Amino acid sequence: VHGRHDLPWQHPRTPYRVWLSEIMLQQT
């Protein structure tokens, strides 16, 4: 109900895009 479902790395959710997002999201 309340979570984030439309983040750009979720569509499509590939290993590369997930990895990139996780590194960028560190302390950001």
PDB file of all heavy atoms in Angstrom:
ATOM      1  N   VAL A   1       0.822  -1.212   0.000  1.00  0.00           N
ATOM      2  CA  VAL A   1       0.000   0.000   0.000  1.00  0.00           C
ATOM      3  C   VAL A   1       0.856   1.264   0.000  1.00  0.00           C
ATOM      4  O   VAL A   1       0.568   2.232  -0.713  1.00  0.00           O
ATOM      5  CB  VAL A   1      -0.950   0.011   1.220  1.00  0.00           C
ATOM      6  CG1 VAL A   1      -1.769   1.309   1.250  1.00  0.00           C
ATOM      7  CG2 VAL A   1      -1.860  -1.202   1.199  1.00  0.00           C
ATOM      8  N   HIS A   2       1.935   1.255   0.784  1.00  0.00           N
ATOM      9  CA  HIS A   2       2.678   2.489   1.036  1.00  0.00           C
ATOM     10  C   HIS A   2       4.101   2.502   0.470  1.00  0.00           C
ATOM     11  O   HIS A   2       4.771   3.538   0.535  1.00  0.00           O
ATOM     12  CB  HIS A   2       2.764   2.745   2.549  1.00  0.00           C
ATOM     13  CG  HIS A   2       1.434   2.826   3.223  1.00  0.00           C
ATOM     14  ND1 HIS A   2       0.594   3.910   3.076  1.00  0.00           N
ATOM     15  CD2 HIS A   2       0.792   1.952   4.049  1.00  0.00           C
ATOM     16  CE1 HIS A   2      -0.508   3.708   3.795  1.00  0.00           C
ATOM     17  NE2 HIS A   2      -0.413   2.528   4.390  1.00  0.00           N
ATOM     18  N   GLY A   3       4.566   1.403  -0.059  1.00  0.00           N
ATOM     19  CA  GLY A   3       5.948   1.326  -0.519  1.00  0.00           C
ATOM     20  C   GLY A   3       6.176   2.018  -1.849  1.00  0.00           C
ATOM     21  O   GLY A   3       5.241   2.456  -2.531  1.00  0.00           O
ATOM     22  N   ARG A   4       7.445   2.081  -2.234  1.00  0.00           N
ATOM     23  CA  ARG A   4       7.831   2.718  -3.495  1.00  0.00           C
ATOM     24  C   ARG A   4       7.922   1.644  -4.581  1.00  0.00           C
ATOM     25  O   ARG A   4       8.773   0.755  -4.519  1.00  0.00           O
ATOM     26  CB  ARG A   4       9.162   3.455  -3.323  1.00  0.00           C
ATOM     27  CG  ARG A   4       9.030   4.663  -2.408  1.00  0.00           C
ATOM     28  CD  ARG A   4      10.335   5.394  -2.186  1.00  0.00           C
ATOM     29  NE  ARG A   4      11.190   4.718  -1.234  1.00  0.00           N
ATOM     30  CZ  ARG A   4      12.162   5.321  -0.529  1.00  0.00           C
ATOM     31  NH1 ARG A   4      12.372   6.614  -0.671  1.00  0.00           N
ATOM     32  NH2 ARG A   4      12.912   4.637   0.301  1.00  0.00           N
ATOM     33  N   HIS A   5       7.058   1.771  -5.577  1.00  0.00           N
ATOM     34  CA  HIS A   5       6.950   0.747  -6.626  1.00  0.00           C
ATOM     35  C   HIS A   5       7.363   1.259  -8.002  1.00  0.00           C
ATOM     36  O   HIS A   5       7.362   0.494  -8.967  1.00  0.00           O
ATOM     37  CB  HIS A   5       5.509   0.231  -6.715  1.00  0.00           C
ATOM     38  CG  HIS A   5       4.991  -0.337  -5.428  1.00  0.00           C
ATOM     39  ND1 HIS A   5       5.183  -1.647  -5.066  1.00  0.00           N
ATOM     40  CD2 HIS A   5       4.295   0.247  -4.412  1.00  0.00           C
ATOM     41  CE1 HIS A   5       4.614  -1.873  -3.884  1.00  0.00           C
ATOM     42  NE2 HIS A   5       4.074  -0.727  -3.465  1.00  0.00           N
ATOM     43  N   ASP A   6       7.692   2.547  -8.117  1.00  0.00           N
ATOM     44  CA  ASP A   6       7.947   3.128  -9.430  1.00  0.00           C
ATOM     45  C   ASP A   6       9.339   3.757  -9.528  1.00  0.00           C
ATOM     46  O   ASP A   6       9.538   4.718 -10.270  1.00  0.00           O
ATOM     47  CB  ASP A   6       6.886   4.193  -9.756  1.00  0.00           C
ATOM     48  CG  ASP A   6       5.490   3.581  -9.862  1.00  0.00           C
ATOM     49  OD1 ASP A   6       5.369   2.538 -10.523  1.00  0.00           O
ATOM     50  OD2 ASP A   6       4.550   4.146  -9.272  1.00  0.00           O
ATOM     51  N   LEU A   7      10.291   3.209  -8.802  1.00  0.00           N
ATOM     52  CA  LEU A   7      11.654   3.706  -8.895  1.00  0.00           C
ATOM     53  C   LEU A   7      12.265   3.254 -10.220  1.00  0.00           C
ATOM     54  O   LEU A   7      11.973   2.153 -10.701  1.00  0.00           O
ATOM     55  CB  LEU A   7      12.484   3.179  -7.723  1.00  0.00           C
ATOM     56  CG  LEU A   7      11.994   3.642  -6.340  1.00  0.00           C
ATOM     57  CD1 LEU A   7      12.742   2.914  -5.231  1.00  0.00           C
ATOM     58  CD2 LEU A   7      12.155   5.149  -6.191  1.00  0.00           C
ATOM     59  N   PRO A   8      13.091   4.078 -10.850  1.00  0.00           N
ATOM     60  CA  PRO A   8      13.556   3.757 -12.208  1.00  0.00           C
ATOM     61  C   PRO A   8      14.346   2.455 -12.295  1.00  0.00           C
ATOM     62  O   PRO A   8      14.325   1.792 -13.339  1.00  0.00           O
ATOM     63  CB  PRO A   8      14.423   4.969 -12.584  1.00  0.00           C
ATOM     64  CG  PRO A   8      14.735   5.662 -11.306  1.00  0.00           C
ATOM     65  CD  PRO A   8      13.579   5.393 -10.400  1.00  0.00           C
ATOM     66  N   TRP A   9      15.041   2.058 -11.232  1.00  0.00           N
ATOM     67  CA  TRP A   9      15.815   0.815 -11.288  1.00  0.00           C
ATOM     68  C   TRP A   9      14.942  -0.421 -11.087  1.00  0.00           C
ATOM     69  O   TRP A   9      15.421  -1.546 -11.202  1.00  0.00           O
ATOM     70  CB  TRP A   9      16.938   0.842 -10.256  1.00  0.00           C
ATOM     71  CG  TRP A   9      16.549   1.363  -8.904  1.00  0.00           C
ATOM     72  CD1 TRP A   9      16.031   0.664  -7.867  1.00  0.00           C
ATOM     73  CD2 TRP A   9      16.659   2.721  -8.469  1.00  0.00           C
ATOM     74  NE1 TRP A   9      15.804   1.497  -6.797  1.00  0.00           N
ATOM     75  CE2 TRP A   9      16.183   2.757  -7.131  1.00  0.00           C
ATOM     76  CE3 TRP A   9      17.117   3.896  -9.068  1.00  0.00           C
ATOM     77  CZ2 TRP A   9      16.157   3.943  -6.400  1.00  0.00           C
ATOM     78  CZ3 TRP A   9      17.081   5.066  -8.324  1.00  0.00           C
ATOM     79  CH2 TRP A   9      16.611   5.088  -7.013  1.00  0.00           C
ATOM     80  N   GLN A  10      13.658  -0.205 -10.835  1.00  0.00           N
ATOM     81  CA  GLN A  10      12.735  -1.345 -10.724  1.00  0.00           C
ATOM     82  C   GLN A  10      12.127  -1.728 -12.066  1.00  0.00           C
ATOM     83  O   GLN A  10      11.526  -2.790 -12.189  1.00  0.00           O
ATOM     84  CB  GLN A  10      11.608  -0.995  -9.737  1.00  0.00           C
ATOM     85  CG  GLN A  10      12.077  -0.776  -8.312  1.00  0.00           C
ATOM     86  CD  GLN A  10      10.969  -0.246  -7.405  1.00  0.00           C
ATOM     87  OE1 GLN A  10      10.038   0.430  -7.864  1.00  0.00           O
ATOM     88  NE2 GLN A  10      11.052  -0.544  -6.118  1.00  0.00           N
ATOM     89  N   HIS A  11      12.276  -0.874 -13.069  1.00  0.00           N
ATOM     90  CA  HIS A  11      11.616  -1.088 -14.367  1.00  0.00           C
ATOM     91  C   HIS A  11      12.562  -0.758 -15.518  1.00  0.00           C
ATOM     92  O   HIS A  11      12.658   0.411 -15.908  1.00  0.00           O
ATOM     93  CB  HIS A  11      10.355  -0.230 -14.465  1.00  0.00           C
ATOM     94  CG  HIS A  11       9.437  -0.359 -13.286  1.00  0.00           C
ATOM     95  ND1 HIS A  11       8.658  -1.465 -13.070  1.00  0.00           N
ATOM     96  CD2 HIS A  11       9.199   0.485 -12.244  1.00  0.00           C
ATOM     97  CE1 HIS A  11       7.960  -1.291 -11.960  1.00  0.00           C
ATOM     98  NE2 HIS A  11       8.276  -0.115 -11.432  1.00  0.00           N
ATOM     99  N   PRO A  12      13.281  -1.703 -16.095  1.00  0.00           N
ATOM    100  CA  PRO A  12      13.319  -3.101 -15.680  1.00  0.00           C
ATOM    101  C   PRO A  12      14.294  -3.297 -14.522  1.00  0.00           C
ATOM    102  O   PRO A  12      15.206  -2.504 -14.335  1.00  0.00           O
ATOM    103  CB  PRO A  12      13.825  -3.821 -16.933  1.00  0.00           C
ATOM    104  CG  PRO A  12      14.716  -2.803 -17.580  1.00  0.00           C
ATOM    105  CD  PRO A  12      14.062  -1.463 -17.314  1.00  0.00           C
ATOM    106  N   ARG A  13      14.099  -4.350 -13.796  1.00  0.00           N
ATOM    107  CA  ARG A  13      14.953  -4.661 -12.646  1.00  0.00           C
ATOM    108  C   ARG A  13      15.995  -5.686 -13.083  1.00  0.00           C
ATOM    109  O   ARG A  13      15.760  -6.887 -13.068  1.00  0.00           O
ATOM    110  CB  ARG A  13      14.095  -5.196 -11.498  1.00  0.00           C
ATOM    111  CG  ARG A  13      14.855  -5.429 -10.205  1.00  0.00           C
ATOM    112  CD  ARG A  13      13.899  -5.974  -9.152  1.00  0.00           C
ATOM    113  NE  ARG A  13      13.279  -4.928  -8.372  1.00  0.00           N
ATOM    114  CZ  ARG A  13      12.085  -5.016  -7.801  1.00  0.00           C
ATOM    115  NH1 ARG A  13      11.358  -6.099  -7.993  1.00  0.00           N
ATOM    116  NH2 ARG A  13      11.607  -4.034  -7.085  1.00  0.00           N
ATOM    117  N   THR A  14      17.129  -5.202 -13.522  1.00  0.00           N
ATOM    118  CA  THR A  14      18.217  -6.073 -13.965  1.00  0.00           C
ATOM    119  C   THR A  14      19.343  -6.043 -12.940  1.00  0.00           C
ATOM    120  O   THR A  14      19.441  -5.098 -12.131  1.00  0.00           O
ATOM    121  CB  THR A  14      18.781  -5.608 -15.317  1.00  0.00           C
ATOM    122  OG1 THR A  14      19.434  -4.337 -15.130  1.00  0.00           O
ATOM    123  CG2 THR A  14      17.668  -5.467 -16.363  1.00  0.00           C
ATOM    124  N   PRO A  15      20.222  -7.045 -12.941  1.00  0.00           N
ATOM    125  CA  PRO A  15      21.349  -7.021 -11.983  1.00  0.00           C
ATOM    126  C   PRO A  15      22.168  -5.744 -12.079  1.00  0.00           C
ATOM    127  O   PRO A  15      22.552  -5.169 -11.049  1.00  0.00           O
ATOM    128  CB  PRO A  15      22.157  -8.260 -12.371  1.00  0.00           C
ATOM    129  CG  PRO A  15      21.139  -9.203 -12.943  1.00  0.00           C
ATOM    130  CD  PRO A  15      20.163  -8.321 -13.683  1.00  0.00           C
ATOM    131  N   TYR A  16      22.449  -5.281 -13.291  1.00  0.00           N
ATOM    132  CA  TYR A  16      23.257  -4.070 -13.462  1.00  0.00           C
ATOM    133  C   TYR A  16      22.555  -2.856 -12.871  1.00  0.00           C
ATOM    134  O   TYR A  16      23.156  -2.058 -12.137  1.00  0.00           O
ATOM    135  CB  TYR A  16      23.537  -3.844 -14.951  1.00  0.00           C
ATOM    136  CG  TYR A  16      24.252  -2.546 -15.256  1.00  0.00           C
ATOM    137  CD1 TYR A  16      25.600  -2.389 -14.951  1.00  0.00           C
ATOM    138  CD2 TYR A  16      23.579  -1.476 -15.859  1.00  0.00           C
ATOM    139  CE1 TYR A  16      26.268  -1.194 -15.235  1.00  0.00           C
ATOM    140  CE2 TYR A  16      24.241  -0.283 -16.149  1.00  0.00           C
ATOM    141  CZ  TYR A  16      25.587  -0.158 -15.834  1.00  0.00           C
ATOM    142  OH  TYR A  16      26.239   1.023 -16.116  1.00  0.00           O
ATOM    143  N   ARG A  17      21.285  -2.681 -13.175  1.00  0.00           N
ATOM    144  CA  ARG A  17      20.554  -1.511 -12.693  1.00  0.00           C
ATOM    145  C   ARG A  17      20.387  -1.555 -11.178  1.00  0.00           C
ATOM    146  O   ARG A  17      20.487  -0.523 -10.496  1.00  0.00           O
ATOM    147  CB  ARG A  17      19.190  -1.430 -13.395  1.00  0.00           C
ATOM    148  CG  ARG A  17      19.306  -1.119 -14.894  1.00  0.00           C
ATOM    149  CD  ARG A  17      17.972  -1.368 -15.617  1.00  0.00           C
ATOM    150  NE  ARG A  17      16.953  -0.413 -15.210  1.00  0.00           N
ATOM    151  CZ  ARG A  17      16.737   0.762 -15.787  1.00  0.00           C
ATOM    152  NH1 ARG A  17      17.487   1.143 -16.813  1.00  0.00           N
ATOM    153  NH2 ARG A  17      15.776   1.559 -15.375  1.00  0.00           N
ATOM    154  N   VAL A  18      20.138  -2.740 -10.629  1.00  0.00           N
ATOM    155  CA  VAL A  18      20.038  -2.870  -9.178  1.00  0.00           C
ATOM    156  C   VAL A  18      21.368  -2.517  -8.522  1.00  0.00           C
ATOM    157  O   VAL A  18      21.428  -1.761  -7.540  1.00  0.00           O
ATOM    158  CB  VAL A  18      19.603  -4.298  -8.783  1.00  0.00           C
ATOM    159  CG1 VAL A  18      19.762  -4.512  -7.278  1.00  0.00           C
ATOM    160  CG2 VAL A  18      18.161  -4.547  -9.199  1.00  0.00           C
ATOM    161  N   TRP A  19      22.440  -3.069  -9.069  1.00  0.00           N
ATOM    162  CA  TRP A  19      23.773  -2.804  -8.523  1.00  0.00           C
ATOM    163  C   TRP A  19      24.089  -1.311  -8.556  1.00  0.00           C
ATOM    164  O   TRP A  19      24.518  -0.733  -7.552  1.00  0.00           O
ATOM    165  CB  TRP A  19      24.794  -3.609  -9.319  1.00  0.00           C
ATOM    166  CG  TRP A  19      26.232  -3.267  -9.105  1.00  0.00           C
ATOM    167  CD1 TRP A  19      26.860  -3.045  -7.905  1.00  0.00           C
ATOM    168  CD2 TRP A  19      27.235  -3.112 -10.114  1.00  0.00           C
ATOM    169  NE1 TRP A  19      28.194  -2.774  -8.108  1.00  0.00           N
ATOM    170  CE2 TRP A  19      28.446  -2.805  -9.453  1.00  0.00           C
ATOM    171  CE3 TRP A  19      27.225  -3.214 -11.506  1.00  0.00           C
ATOM    172  CZ2 TRP A  19      29.644  -2.594 -10.152  1.00  0.00           C
ATOM    173  CZ3 TRP A  19      28.412  -3.015 -12.198  1.00  0.00           C
ATOM    174  CH2 TRP A  19      29.610  -2.712 -11.521  1.00  0.00           C
ATOM    175  N   LEU A  20      23.882  -0.670  -9.698  1.00  0.00           N
ATOM    176  CA  LEU A  20      24.159   0.754  -9.826  1.00  0.00           C
ATOM    177  C   LEU A  20      23.344   1.556  -8.820  1.00  0.00           C
ATOM    178  O   LEU A  20      23.866   2.455  -8.144  1.00  0.00           O
ATOM    179  CB  LEU A  20      23.852   1.217 -11.248  1.00  0.00           C
ATOM    180  CG  LEU A  20      23.989   2.719 -11.524  1.00  0.00           C
ATOM    181  CD1 LEU A  20      25.407   3.189 -11.248  1.00  0.00           C
ATOM    182  CD2 LEU A  20      23.580   3.034 -12.962  1.00  0.00           C
ATOM    183  N   SER A  21      22.074   1.238  -8.682  1.00  0.00           N
ATOM    184  CA  SER A  21      21.235   1.990  -7.748  1.00  0.00           C
ATOM    185  C   SER A  21      21.711   1.803  -6.311  1.00  0.00           C
ATOM    186  O   SER A  21      21.725   2.755  -5.519  1.00  0.00           O
ATOM    187  CB  SER A  21      19.768   1.560  -7.876  1.00  0.00           C
ATOM    188  OG  SER A  21      19.554   0.255  -7.372  1.00  0.00           O
ATOM    189  N   GLU A  22      22.111   0.600  -5.953  1.00  0.00           N
ATOM    190  CA  GLU A  22      22.561   0.346  -4.586  1.00  0.00           C
ATOM    191  C   GLU A  22      23.833   1.119  -4.261  1.00  0.00           C
ATOM    192  O   GLU A  22      23.985   1.648  -3.159  1.00  0.00           O
ATOM    193  CB  GLU A  22      22.798  -1.154  -4.378  1.00  0.00           C
ATOM    194  CG  GLU A  22      21.524  -1.969  -4.276  1.00  0.00           C
ATOM    195  CD  GLU A  22      20.651  -1.548  -3.114  1.00  0.00           C
ATOM    196  OE1 GLU A  22      21.193  -1.308  -2.016  1.00  0.00           O
ATOM    197  OE2 GLU A  22      19.428  -1.419  -3.299  1.00  0.00           O
ATOM    198  N   ILE A  23      24.750   1.205  -5.212  1.00  0.00           N
ATOM    199  CA  ILE A  23      25.971   1.968  -4.979  1.00  0.00           C
ATOM    200  C   ILE A  23      25.654   3.458  -4.867  1.00  0.00           C
ATOM    201  O   ILE A  23      26.152   4.162  -3.984  1.00  0.00           O
ATOM    202  CB  ILE A  23      26.991   1.722  -6.112  1.00  0.00           C
ATOM    203  CG1 ILE A  23      27.350   0.236  -6.197  1.00  0.00           C
ATOM    204  CG2 ILE A  23      28.239   2.563  -5.889  1.00  0.00           C
ATOM    205  CD1 ILE A  23      27.972  -0.339  -4.943  1.00  0.00           C
ATOM    206  N   MET A  24      24.787   3.965  -5.744  1.00  0.00           N
ATOM    207  CA  MET A  24      24.426   5.374  -5.692  1.00  0.00           C
ATOM    208  C   MET A  24      23.684   5.729  -4.406  1.00  0.00           C
ATOM    209  O   MET A  24      23.820   6.851  -3.883  1.00  0.00           O
ATOM    210  CB  MET A  24      23.560   5.743  -6.901  1.00  0.00           C
ATOM    211  CG  MET A  24      24.330   5.847  -8.203  1.00  0.00           C
ATOM    212  SD  MET A  24      23.277   6.469  -9.552  1.00  0.00           S
ATOM    213  CE  MET A  24      24.518   6.895 -10.777  1.00  0.00           C
ATOM    214  N   LEU A  25      22.898   4.793  -3.894  1.00  0.00           N
ATOM    215  CA  LEU A  25      22.080   5.069  -2.719  1.00  0.00           C
ATOM    216  C   LEU A  25      22.857   5.012  -1.414  1.00  0.00           C
ATOM    217  O   LEU A  25      22.315   5.364  -0.363  1.00  0.00           O
ATOM    218  CB  LEU A  25      20.905   4.079  -2.655  1.00  0.00           C
ATOM    219  CG  LEU A  25      19.790   4.321  -3.672  1.00  0.00           C
ATOM    220  CD1 LEU A  25      18.870   3.118  -3.770  1.00  0.00           C
ATOM    221  CD2 LEU A  25      19.000   5.575  -3.306  1.00  0.00           C
ATOM    222  N   GLN A  26      24.102   4.582  -1.456  1.00  0.00           N
ATOM    223  CA  GLN A  26      24.909   4.579  -0.241  1.00  0.00           C
ATOM    224  C   GLN A  26      25.137   6.009   0.223  1.00  0.00           C
ATOM    225  O   GLN A  26      25.722   6.812  -0.482  1.00  0.00           O
ATOM    226  CB  GLN A  26      26.252   3.877  -0.495  1.00  0.00           C
ATOM    227  CG  GLN A  26      26.124   2.387  -0.746  1.00  0.00           C
ATOM    228  CD  GLN A  26      27.438   1.761  -1.200  1.00  0.00           C
ATOM    229  OE1 GLN A  26      28.454   2.444  -1.344  1.00  0.00           O
ATOM    230  NE2 GLN A  26      27.428   0.461  -1.435  1.00  0.00           N
ATOM    231  N   GLN A  27      24.618   6.338   1.390  1.00  0.00           N
ATOM    232  CA  GLN A  27      24.759   7.656   2.005  1.00  0.00           C
ATOM    233  C   GLN A  27      24.160   8.778   1.146  1.00  0.00           C
ATOM    234  O   GLN A  27      24.569   9.939   1.246  1.00  0.00           O
ATOM    235  CB  GLN A  27      26.242   7.951   2.299  1.00  0.00           C
ATOM    236  CG  GLN A  27      26.890   6.892   3.184  1.00  0.00           C
ATOM    237  CD  GLN A  27      28.308   7.226   3.553  1.00  0.00           C
ATOM    238  OE1 GLN A  27      28.552   8.192   4.268  1.00  0.00           O
ATOM    239  NE2 GLN A  27      29.258   6.429   3.106  1.00  0.00           N
ATOM    240  N   THR A  28      23.204   8.428   0.285  1.00  0.00           N
ATOM    241  CA  THR A  28      22.571   9.424  -0.588  1.00  0.00           C
ATOM    242  C   THR A  28      21.076   9.126  -0.680  1.00  0.00           C
ATOM    243  O   THR A  28      20.685   7.967  -0.811  1.00  0.00           O
ATOM    244  CB  THR A  28      23.188   9.397  -1.998  1.00  0.00           C
ATOM    245  OG1 THR A  28      24.614   9.434  -1.898  1.00  0.00           O
ATOM    246  CG2 THR A  28      22.727  10.588  -2.818  1.00  0.00           C
TER     247      THR A  28
END
